[in-house]
Amino acid sequence: MAVTERLLLTALSICQLDVTTRPIAPAMFHQQVVHESALECIVIAGKFVMTLTAHFDSNEFAKSLGLSHMKTLNAPWGVAANFGVKTLQVTALRYRTK
């Protein structure tokens, strides 16, 4: 996974896009902030969240993770990618802010 992430970050850098890896966000417990935690995702241009997983049978975990991070970061768009054993699954995500 590290190689895939490095290739992706290099491509985004070549495109001169603003990229944040593993952004820090408040960690919540019972709607109380208890600490800060790094989110396992990449944020592009401050509005687009990308989650990457590997070796899962489906993309459900990456989608759930992506939607959760999008909600935390108040980001409207995202993509979840799962580099499975036999296939690559990519799903576009949209989080509707209130």
PDB file of N, CA and C in Angstrom:
ATOM      1  N   MET A   1       0.813  -1.193   0.000  1.00  0.00           N
ATOM      2  CA  MET A   1       0.000   0.000   0.000  1.00  0.00           C
ATOM      3  C   MET A   1       0.860   1.263   0.000  1.00  0.00           C
ATOM      4  N   ALA A   2       2.001   1.191   0.644  1.00  0.00           N
ATOM      5  CA  ALA A   2       2.885   2.355   0.718  1.00  0.00           C
ATOM      6  C   ALA A   2       3.350   2.784  -0.674  1.00  0.00           C
ATOM      7  N   VAL A   3       3.601   1.828  -1.549  1.00  0.00           N
ATOM      8  CA  VAL A   3       4.037   2.151  -2.910  1.00  0.00           C
ATOM      9  C   VAL A   3       2.909   2.848  -3.672  1.00  0.00           C
ATOM     10  N   THR A   4       1.694   2.332  -3.546  1.00  0.00           N
ATOM     11  CA  THR A   4       0.540   2.938  -4.212  1.00  0.00           C
ATOM     12  C   THR A   4       0.324   4.361  -3.729  1.00  0.00           C
ATOM     13  N   GLU A   5       0.400   4.560  -2.410  1.00  0.00           N
ATOM     14  CA  GLU A   5       0.220   5.904  -1.851  1.00  0.00           C
ATOM     15  C   GLU A   5       1.304   6.844  -2.360  1.00  0.00           C
ATOM     16  N   ARG A   6       2.543   6.379  -2.411  1.00  0.00           N
ATOM     17  CA  ARG A   6       3.661   7.214  -2.875  1.00  0.00           C
ATOM     18  C   ARG A   6       3.469   7.610  -4.337  1.00  0.00           C
ATOM     19  N   LEU A   7       3.044   6.648  -5.177  1.00  0.00           N
ATOM     20  CA  LEU A   7       2.778   6.945  -6.586  1.00  0.00           C
ATOM     21  C   LEU A   7       1.661   7.977  -6.727  1.00  0.00           C
ATOM     22  N   LEU A   8       0.605   7.813  -5.960  1.00  0.00           N
ATOM     23  CA  LEU A   8      -0.520   8.745  -5.993  1.00  0.00           C
ATOM     24  C   LEU A   8      -0.086  10.149  -5.562  1.00  0.00           C
ATOM     25  N   LEU A   9       0.666  10.229  -4.473  1.00  0.00           N
ATOM     26  CA  LEU A   9       1.128  11.533  -3.985  1.00  0.00           C
ATOM     27  C   LEU A   9       2.065  12.206  -4.989  1.00  0.00           C
ATOM     28  N   THR A  10       2.888  11.420  -5.659  1.00  0.00           N
ATOM     29  CA  THR A  10       3.776  11.978  -6.684  1.00  0.00           C
ATOM     30  C   THR A  10       2.970  12.541  -7.847  1.00  0.00           C
ATOM     31  N   ALA A  11       1.952  11.799  -8.296  1.00  0.00           N
ATOM     32  CA  ALA A  11       1.101  12.266  -9.396  1.00  0.00           C
ATOM     33  C   ALA A  11       0.360  13.549  -9.013  1.00  0.00           C
ATOM     34  N   LEU A  12      -0.147  13.622  -7.788  1.00  0.00           N
ATOM     35  CA  LEU A  12      -0.855  14.826  -7.336  1.00  0.00           C
ATOM     36  C   LEU A  12       0.103  16.010  -7.228  1.00  0.00           C
ATOM     37  N   SER A  13       1.327  15.739  -6.818  1.00  0.00           N
ATOM     38  CA  SER A  13       2.342  16.795  -6.724  1.00  0.00           C
ATOM     39  C   SER A  13       2.686  17.340  -8.111  1.00  0.00           C
ATOM     40  N   ILE A  14       2.808  16.447  -9.082  1.00  0.00           N
ATOM     41  CA  ILE A  14       3.092  16.867 -10.454  1.00  0.00           C
ATOM     42  C   ILE A  14       1.975  17.771 -10.972  1.00  0.00           C
ATOM     43  N   CYS A  15       0.745  17.478 -10.572  1.00  0.00           N
ATOM     44  CA  CYS A  15      -0.413  18.306 -10.967  1.00  0.00           C
ATOM     45  C   CYS A  15      -0.519  19.583 -10.136  1.00  0.00           C
ATOM     46  N   GLN A  16       0.424  19.768  -9.215  1.00  0.00           N
ATOM     47  CA  GLN A  16       0.474  20.951  -8.346  1.00  0.00           C
ATOM     48  C   GLN A  16      -0.792  21.136  -7.518  1.00  0.00           C
ATOM     49  N   LEU A  17      -1.327  20.021  -7.026  1.00  0.00           N
ATOM     50  CA  LEU A  17      -2.503  20.073  -6.164  1.00  0.00           C
ATOM     51  C   LEU A  17      -2.066  20.112  -4.703  1.00  0.00           C
ATOM     52  N   ASP A  18      -2.801  20.847  -3.901  1.00  0.00           N
ATOM     53  CA  ASP A  18      -2.545  20.919  -2.465  1.00  0.00           C
ATOM     54  C   ASP A  18      -3.031  19.623  -1.820  1.00  0.00           C
ATOM     55  N   VAL A  19      -2.123  18.902  -1.163  1.00  0.00           N
ATOM     56  CA  VAL A  19      -2.451  17.591  -0.607  1.00  0.00           C
ATOM     57  C   VAL A  19      -2.050  17.530   0.860  1.00  0.00           C
ATOM     58  N   THR A  20      -2.945  16.980   1.682  1.00  0.00           N
ATOM     59  CA  THR A  20      -2.655  16.718   3.091  1.00  0.00           C
ATOM     60  C   THR A  20      -2.821  15.230   3.329  1.00  0.00           C
ATOM     61  N   THR A  21      -1.788  14.604   3.878  1.00  0.00           N
ATOM     62  CA  THR A  21      -1.901  13.187   4.220  1.00  0.00           C
ATOM     63  C   THR A  21      -2.129  13.059   5.716  1.00  0.00           C
ATOM     64  N   ARG A  22      -3.010  12.155   6.064  1.00  0.00           N
ATOM     65  CA  ARG A  22      -3.352  11.875   7.455  1.00  0.00           C
ATOM     66  C   ARG A  22      -3.622  13.163   8.263  1.00  0.00           C
ATOM     67  N   PRO A  23      -4.654  13.911   7.866  1.00  0.00           N
ATOM     68  CA  PRO A  23      -4.974  15.148   8.587  1.00  0.00           C
ATOM     69  C   PRO A  23      -5.374  14.870  10.040  1.00  0.00           C
ATOM     70  N   ILE A  24      -5.092  15.821  10.901  1.00  0.00           N
ATOM     71  CA  ILE A  24      -5.437  15.716  12.318  1.00  0.00           C
ATOM     72  C   ILE A  24      -6.854  16.251  12.518  1.00  0.00           C
ATOM     73  N   ALA A  25      -7.661  15.497  13.274  1.00  0.00           N
ATOM     74  CA  ALA A  25      -9.044  15.900  13.549  1.00  0.00           C
ATOM     75  C   ALA A  25      -9.379  15.555  14.994  1.00  0.00           C
ATOM     76  N   PRO A  26     -10.388  16.213  15.551  1.00  0.00           N
ATOM     77  CA  PRO A  26     -10.794  15.898  16.928  1.00  0.00           C
ATOM     78  C   PRO A  26     -11.289  14.462  17.047  1.00  0.00           C
ATOM     79  N   ALA A  27     -10.880  13.785  18.108  1.00  0.00           N
ATOM     80  CA  ALA A  27     -11.387  12.441  18.418  1.00  0.00           C
ATOM     81  C   ALA A  27     -12.536  12.614  19.404  1.00  0.00           C
ATOM     82  N   MET A  28     -13.675  12.035  19.062  1.00  0.00           N
ATOM     83  CA  MET A  28     -14.884  12.228  19.864  1.00  0.00           C
ATOM     84  C   MET A  28     -15.279  10.936  20.591  1.00  0.00           C
ATOM     85  N   PHE A  29     -15.869  11.109  21.781  1.00  0.00           N
ATOM     86  CA  PHE A  29     -16.453  10.003  22.516  1.00  0.00           C
ATOM     87  C   PHE A  29     -17.686  10.544  23.210  1.00  0.00           C
ATOM     88  N   HIS A  30     -18.851   9.979  22.896  1.00  0.00           N
ATOM     89  CA  HIS A  30     -20.129  10.478  23.426  1.00  0.00           C
ATOM     90  C   HIS A  30     -20.272  11.983  23.190  1.00  0.00           C
ATOM     91  N   GLN A  31     -19.943  12.400  21.988  1.00  0.00           N
ATOM     92  CA  GLN A  31     -20.059  13.780  21.527  1.00  0.00           C
ATOM     93  C   GLN A  31     -19.193  14.755  22.326  1.00  0.00           C
ATOM     94  N   GLN A  32     -18.143  14.257  22.930  1.00  0.00           N
ATOM     95  CA  GLN A  32     -17.176  15.088  23.645  1.00  0.00           C
ATOM     96  C   GLN A  32     -15.803  14.898  22.983  1.00  0.00           C
ATOM     97  N   VAL A  33     -15.087  15.985  22.763  1.00  0.00           N
ATOM     98  CA  VAL A  33     -13.738  15.882  22.228  1.00  0.00           C
ATOM     99  C   VAL A  33     -12.828  15.363  23.331  1.00  0.00           C
ATOM    100  N   VAL A  34     -12.153  14.247  23.064  1.00  0.00           N
ATOM    101  CA  VAL A  34     -11.267  13.656  24.073  1.00  0.00           C
ATOM    102  C   VAL A  34      -9.794  13.789  23.703  1.00  0.00           C
ATOM    103  N   HIS A  35      -9.516  13.993  22.437  1.00  0.00           N
ATOM    104  CA  HIS A  35      -8.132  14.114  21.992  1.00  0.00           C
ATOM    105  C   HIS A  35      -8.151  14.465  20.513  1.00  0.00           C
ATOM    106  N   GLU A  36      -6.996  14.443  19.883  1.00  0.00           N
ATOM    107  CA  GLU A  36      -6.907  14.582  18.438  1.00  0.00           C
ATOM    108  C   GLU A  36      -6.336  13.300  17.861  1.00  0.00           C
ATOM    109  N   SER A  37      -6.678  13.020  16.622  1.00  0.00           N
ATOM    110  CA  SER A  37      -6.229  11.788  15.999  1.00  0.00           C
ATOM    111  C   SER A  37      -5.982  12.021  14.508  1.00  0.00           C
ATOM    112  N   ALA A  38      -5.027  11.301  13.960  1.00  0.00           N
ATOM    113  CA  ALA A  38      -4.771  11.371  12.523  1.00  0.00           C
ATOM    114  C   ALA A  38      -5.766  10.477  11.785  1.00  0.00           C
ATOM    115  N   LEU A  39      -6.370  11.006  10.748  1.00  0.00           N
ATOM    116  CA  LEU A  39      -7.310  10.237   9.930  1.00  0.00           C
ATOM    117  C   LEU A  39      -6.539   9.536   8.820  1.00  0.00           C
ATOM    118  N   GLU A  40      -6.858   8.293   8.572  1.00  0.00           N
ATOM    119  CA  GLU A  40      -6.158   7.503   7.557  1.00  0.00           C
ATOM    120  C   GLU A  40      -6.755   7.798   6.185  1.00  0.00           C
ATOM    121  N   CYS A  41      -6.365   8.963   5.631  1.00  0.00           N
ATOM    122  CA  CYS A  41      -6.860   9.368   4.324  1.00  0.00           C
ATOM    123  C   CYS A  41      -5.944  10.435   3.742  1.00  0.00           C
ATOM    124  N   ILE A  42      -6.240  10.807   2.523  1.00  0.00           N
ATOM    125  CA  ILE A  42      -5.556  11.903   1.836  1.00  0.00           C
ATOM    126  C   ILE A  42      -6.619  12.940   1.522  1.00  0.00           C
ATOM    127  N   VAL A  43      -6.317  14.208   1.779  1.00  0.00           N
ATOM    128  CA  VAL A  43      -7.254  15.288   1.457  1.00  0.00           C
ATOM    129  C   VAL A  43      -6.628  16.128   0.352  1.00  0.00           C
ATOM    130  N   ILE A  44      -7.370  16.292  -0.734  1.00  0.00           N
ATOM    131  CA  ILE A  44      -6.896  17.027  -1.893  1.00  0.00           C
ATOM    132  C   ILE A  44      -7.646  18.350  -1.974  1.00  0.00           C
ATOM    133  N   ALA A  45      -6.893  19.439  -2.060  1.00  0.00           N
ATOM    134  CA  ALA A  45      -7.451  20.795  -2.176  1.00  0.00           C
ATOM    135  C   ALA A  45      -8.398  21.136  -1.027  1.00  0.00           C
ATOM    136  N   GLY A  46      -8.220  20.504   0.105  1.00  0.00           N
ATOM    137  CA  GLY A  46      -9.013  20.808   1.285  1.00  0.00           C
ATOM    138  C   GLY A  46     -10.474  20.394   1.214  1.00  0.00           C
ATOM    139  N   LYS A  47     -10.890  19.739   0.118  1.00  0.00           N
ATOM    140  CA  LYS A  47     -12.312  19.417  -0.048  1.00  0.00           C
ATOM    141  C   LYS A  47     -12.592  18.011  -0.540  1.00  0.00           C
ATOM    142  N   PHE A  48     -11.583  17.291  -0.961  1.00  0.00           N
ATOM    143  CA  PHE A  48     -11.773  15.993  -1.593  1.00  0.00           C
ATOM    144  C   PHE A  48     -11.011  14.941  -0.787  1.00  0.00           C
ATOM    145  N   VAL A  49     -11.730  13.977  -0.217  1.00  0.00           N
ATOM    146  CA  VAL A  49     -11.130  12.951   0.643  1.00  0.00           C
ATOM    147  C   VAL A  49     -10.938  11.656  -0.152  1.00  0.00           C
ATOM    148  N   MET A  50      -9.758  11.053  -0.016  1.00  0.00           N
ATOM    149  CA  MET A  50      -9.477   9.780  -0.674  1.00  0.00           C
ATOM    150  C   MET A  50      -9.038   8.761   0.367  1.00  0.00           C
ATOM    151  N   THR A  51      -9.718   7.615   0.380  1.00  0.00           N
ATOM    152  CA  THR A  51      -9.321   6.515   1.262  1.00  0.00           C
ATOM    153  C   THR A  51      -8.849   5.348   0.408  1.00  0.00           C
ATOM    154  N   LEU A  52      -7.813   4.686   0.879  1.00  0.00           N
ATOM    155  CA  LEU A  52      -7.234   3.557   0.169  1.00  0.00           C
ATOM    156  C   LEU A  52      -7.188   2.349   1.097  1.00  0.00           C
ATOM    157  N   THR A  53      -7.635   1.208   0.609  1.00  0.00           N
ATOM    158  CA  THR A  53      -7.513  -0.044   1.363  1.00  0.00           C
ATOM    159  C   THR A  53      -6.955  -1.099   0.407  1.00  0.00           C
ATOM    160  N   ALA A  54      -6.554  -2.227   0.977  1.00  0.00           N
ATOM    161  CA  ALA A  54      -6.005  -3.296   0.152  1.00  0.00           C
ATOM    162  C   ALA A  54      -6.461  -4.656   0.669  1.00  0.00           C
ATOM    163  N   HIS A  55      -6.616  -5.572  -0.256  1.00  0.00           N
ATOM    164  CA  HIS A  55      -6.869  -6.985   0.030  1.00  0.00           C
ATOM    165  C   HIS A  55      -8.216  -7.293   0.669  1.00  0.00           C
ATOM    166  N   PHE A  56      -9.189  -6.407   0.564  1.00  0.00           N
ATOM    167  CA  PHE A  56     -10.537  -6.714   1.034  1.00  0.00           C
ATOM    168  C   PHE A  56     -11.330  -7.304  -0.130  1.00  0.00           C
ATOM    169  N   ASP A  57     -12.353  -8.099   0.187  1.00  0.00           N
ATOM    170  CA  ASP A  57     -13.193  -8.696  -0.851  1.00  0.00           C
ATOM    171  C   ASP A  57     -14.101  -7.670  -1.515  1.00  0.00           C
ATOM    172  N   SER A  58     -14.446  -6.612  -0.779  1.00  0.00           N
ATOM    173  CA  SER A  58     -15.300  -5.573  -1.346  1.00  0.00           C
ATOM    174  C   SER A  58     -14.768  -4.208  -0.927  1.00  0.00           C
ATOM    175  N   ASN A  59     -15.404  -3.186  -1.440  1.00  0.00           N
ATOM    176  CA  ASN A  59     -14.985  -1.810  -1.162  1.00  0.00           C
ATOM    177  C   ASN A  59     -15.770  -1.205   0.008  1.00  0.00           C
ATOM    178  N   GLU A  60     -16.570  -1.994   0.698  1.00  0.00           N
ATOM    179  CA  GLU A  60     -17.446  -1.471   1.748  1.00  0.00           C
ATOM    180  C   GLU A  60     -16.669  -0.789   2.880  1.00  0.00           C
ATOM    181  N   PHE A  61     -15.553  -1.363   3.302  1.00  0.00           N
ATOM    182  CA  PHE A  61     -14.777  -0.759   4.390  1.00  0.00           C
ATOM    183  C   PHE A  61     -14.213   0.596   3.974  1.00  0.00           C
ATOM    184  N   ALA A  62     -13.642   0.678   2.776  1.00  0.00           N
ATOM    185  CA  ALA A  62     -13.091   1.950   2.293  1.00  0.00           C
ATOM    186  C   ALA A  62     -14.198   2.994   2.135  1.00  0.00           C
ATOM    187  N   LYS A  63     -15.383   2.574   1.668  1.00  0.00           N
ATOM    188  CA  LYS A  63     -16.501   3.511   1.531  1.00  0.00           C
ATOM    189  C   LYS A  63     -16.941   4.038   2.889  1.00  0.00           C
ATOM    190  N   SER A  64     -17.090   3.158   3.861  1.00  0.00           N
ATOM    191  CA  SER A  64     -17.498   3.566   5.206  1.00  0.00           C
ATOM    192  C   SER A  64     -16.467   4.500   5.830  1.00  0.00           C
ATOM    193  N   LEU A  65     -15.206   4.140   5.683  1.00  0.00           N
ATOM    194  CA  LEU A  65     -14.122   4.972   6.201  1.00  0.00           C
ATOM    195  C   LEU A  65     -14.124   6.349   5.533  1.00  0.00           C
ATOM    196  N   GLY A  66     -14.281   6.358   4.223  1.00  0.00           N
ATOM    197  CA  GLY A  66     -14.310   7.618   3.483  1.00  0.00           C
ATOM    198  C   GLY A  66     -15.451   8.523   3.907  1.00  0.00           C
ATOM    199  N   LEU A  67     -16.653   7.968   4.025  1.00  0.00           N
ATOM    200  CA  LEU A  67     -17.804   8.777   4.438  1.00  0.00           C
ATOM    201  C   LEU A  67     -17.624   9.318   5.858  1.00  0.00           C
ATOM    202  N   SER A  68     -17.063   8.517   6.742  1.00  0.00           N
ATOM    203  CA  SER A  68     -16.808   8.969   8.109  1.00  0.00           C
ATOM    204  C   SER A  68     -15.806  10.121   8.124  1.00  0.00           C
ATOM    205  N   HIS A  69     -14.721   9.983   7.361  1.00  0.00           N
ATOM    206  CA  HIS A  69     -13.716  11.051   7.310  1.00  0.00           C
ATOM    207  C   HIS A  69     -14.271  12.307   6.633  1.00  0.00           C
ATOM    208  N   MET A  70     -15.109  12.114   5.616  1.00  0.00           N
ATOM    209  CA  MET A  70     -15.717  13.267   4.947  1.00  0.00           C
ATOM    210  C   MET A  70     -16.606  14.039   5.911  1.00  0.00           C
ATOM    211  N   LYS A  71     -17.363  13.326   6.738  1.00  0.00           N
ATOM    212  CA  LYS A  71     -18.221  13.970   7.730  1.00  0.00           C
ATOM    213  C   LYS A  71     -17.370  14.738   8.741  1.00  0.00           C
ATOM    214  N   THR A  72     -16.316  14.102   9.244  1.00  0.00           N
ATOM    215  CA  THR A  72     -15.437  14.741  10.220  1.00  0.00           C
ATOM    216  C   THR A  72     -14.790  15.999   9.654  1.00  0.00           C
ATOM    217  N   LEU A  73     -14.363  15.945   8.397  1.00  0.00           N
ATOM    218  CA  LEU A  73     -13.657  17.060   7.769  1.00  0.00           C
ATOM    219  C   LEU A  73     -14.595  18.022   7.050  1.00  0.00           C
ATOM    220  N   ASN A  74     -15.898  17.717   7.056  1.00  0.00           N
ATOM    221  CA  ASN A  74     -16.897  18.522   6.357  1.00  0.00           C
ATOM    222  C   ASN A  74     -16.532  18.690   4.875  1.00  0.00           C
ATOM    223  N   ALA A  75     -16.130  17.598   4.267  1.00  0.00           N
ATOM    224  CA  ALA A  75     -15.744  17.593   2.859  1.00  0.00           C
ATOM    225  C   ALA A  75     -16.886  17.025   2.016  1.00  0.00           C
ATOM    226  N   PRO A  76     -17.261  17.691   0.941  1.00  0.00           N
ATOM    227  CA  PRO A  76     -18.419  17.250   0.167  1.00  0.00           C
ATOM    228  C   PRO A  76     -18.159  16.066  -0.766  1.00  0.00           C
ATOM    229  N   TRP A  77     -16.914  15.842  -1.170  1.00  0.00           N
ATOM    230  CA  TRP A  77     -16.620  14.824  -2.174  1.00  0.00           C
ATOM    231  C   TRP A  77     -15.504  13.905  -1.721  1.00  0.00           C
ATOM    232  N   GLY A  78     -15.509  12.686  -2.260  1.00  0.00           N
ATOM    233  CA  GLY A  78     -14.443  11.763  -1.949  1.00  0.00           C
ATOM    234  C   GLY A  78     -14.431  10.582  -2.892  1.00  0.00           C
ATOM    235  N   VAL A  79     -13.444   9.752  -2.685  1.00  0.00           N
ATOM    236  CA  VAL A  79     -13.340   8.520  -3.451  1.00  0.00           C
ATOM    237  C   VAL A  79     -12.765   7.448  -2.541  1.00  0.00           C
ATOM    238  N   ALA A  80     -13.303   6.244  -2.657  1.00  0.00           N
ATOM    239  CA  ALA A  80     -12.824   5.101  -1.895  1.00  0.00           C
ATOM    240  C   ALA A  80     -12.261   4.098  -2.887  1.00  0.00           C
ATOM    241  N   ALA A  81     -11.020   3.688  -2.652  1.00  0.00           N
ATOM    242  CA  ALA A  81     -10.379   2.720  -3.551  1.00  0.00           C
ATOM    243  C   ALA A  81      -9.902   1.521  -2.749  1.00  0.00           C
ATOM    244  N   ASN A  82     -10.244   0.333  -3.236  1.00  0.00           N
ATOM    245  CA  ASN A  82      -9.794  -0.907  -2.618  1.00  0.00           C
ATOM    246  C   ASN A  82      -8.985  -1.690  -3.651  1.00  0.00           C
ATOM    247  N   PHE A  83      -7.712  -1.893  -3.340  1.00  0.00           N
ATOM    248  CA  PHE A  83      -6.834  -2.677  -4.201  1.00  0.00           C
ATOM    249  C   PHE A  83      -6.916  -4.119  -3.729  1.00  0.00           C
ATOM    250  N   GLY A  84      -7.929  -4.819  -4.217  1.00  0.00           N
ATOM    251  CA  GLY A  84      -8.199  -6.181  -3.780  1.00  0.00           C
ATOM    252  C   GLY A  84      -7.209  -7.186  -4.335  1.00  0.00           C
ATOM    253  N   VAL A  85      -7.410  -8.427  -3.950  1.00  0.00           N
ATOM    254  CA  VAL A  85      -6.519  -9.493  -4.396  1.00  0.00           C
ATOM    255  C   VAL A  85      -6.606  -9.679  -5.916  1.00  0.00           C
ATOM    256  N   LYS A  86      -7.831  -9.594  -6.465  1.00  0.00           N
ATOM    257  CA  LYS A  86      -8.013  -9.824  -7.894  1.00  0.00           C
ATOM    258  C   LYS A  86      -8.497  -8.608  -8.666  1.00  0.00           C
ATOM    259  N   THR A  87      -9.117  -7.644  -7.984  1.00  0.00           N
ATOM    260  CA  THR A  87      -9.695  -6.500  -8.698  1.00  0.00           C
ATOM    261  C   THR A  87      -9.435  -5.195  -7.949  1.00  0.00           C
ATOM    262  N   LEU A  88      -9.515  -4.113  -8.680  1.00  0.00           N
ATOM    263  CA  LEU A  88      -9.484  -2.770  -8.109  1.00  0.00           C
ATOM    264  C   LEU A  88     -10.911  -2.248  -8.113  1.00  0.00           C
ATOM    265  N   GLN A  89     -11.370  -1.766  -6.957  1.00  0.00           N
ATOM    266  CA  GLN A  89     -12.712  -1.201  -6.852  1.00  0.00           C
ATOM    267  C   GLN A  89     -12.584   0.256  -6.444  1.00  0.00           C
ATOM    268  N   VAL A  90     -13.208   1.135  -7.231  1.00  0.00           N
ATOM    269  CA  VAL A  90     -13.173   2.566  -6.948  1.00  0.00           C
ATOM    270  C   VAL A  90     -14.611   3.063  -6.905  1.00  0.00           C
ATOM    271  N   THR A  91     -14.943   3.795  -5.835  1.00  0.00           N
ATOM    272  CA  THR A  91     -16.301   4.307  -5.661  1.00  0.00           C
ATOM    273  C   THR A  91     -16.244   5.800  -5.370  1.00  0.00           C
ATOM    274  N   ALA A  92     -17.016   6.582  -6.116  1.00  0.00           N
ATOM    275  CA  ALA A  92     -17.143   8.019  -5.842  1.00  0.00           C
ATOM    276  C   ALA A  92     -18.073   8.198  -4.649  1.00  0.00           C
ATOM    277  N   LEU A  93     -17.747   9.169  -3.790  1.00  0.00           N
ATOM    278  CA  LEU A  93     -18.537   9.422  -2.583  1.00  0.00           C
ATOM    279  C   LEU A  93     -18.998  10.874  -2.547  1.00  0.00           C
ATOM    280  N   ARG A  94     -20.172  11.074  -1.971  1.00  0.00           N
ATOM    281  CA  ARG A  94     -20.688  12.428  -1.774  1.00  0.00           C
ATOM    282  C   ARG A  94     -21.280  12.517  -0.379  1.00  0.00           C
ATOM    283  N   TYR A  95     -20.878  13.517   0.369  1.00  0.00           N
ATOM    284  CA  TYR A  95     -21.427  13.756   1.697  1.00  0.00           C
ATOM    285  C   TYR A  95     -22.207  15.064   1.635  1.00  0.00           C
ATOM    286  N   ARG A  96     -23.472  14.965   1.932  1.00  0.00           N
ATOM    287  CA  ARG A  96     -24.339  16.161   1.879  1.00  0.00           C
ATOM    288  C   ARG A  96     -24.262  16.904   3.200  1.00  0.00           C
ATOM    289  N   THR A  97     -23.683  18.093   3.176  1.00  0.00           N
ATOM    290  CA  THR A  97     -23.620  18.911   4.370  1.00  0.00           C
ATOM    291  C   THR A  97     -24.960  19.591   4.582  1.00  0.00           C
ATOM    292  N   LYS A  98     -25.248  19.888   5.821  1.00  0.00           N
ATOM    293  CA  LYS A  98     -26.545  20.504   6.146  1.00  0.00           C
ATOM    294  C   LYS A  98     -26.490  21.991   5.968  1.00  0.00           C
TER     295      LYS A  98
END
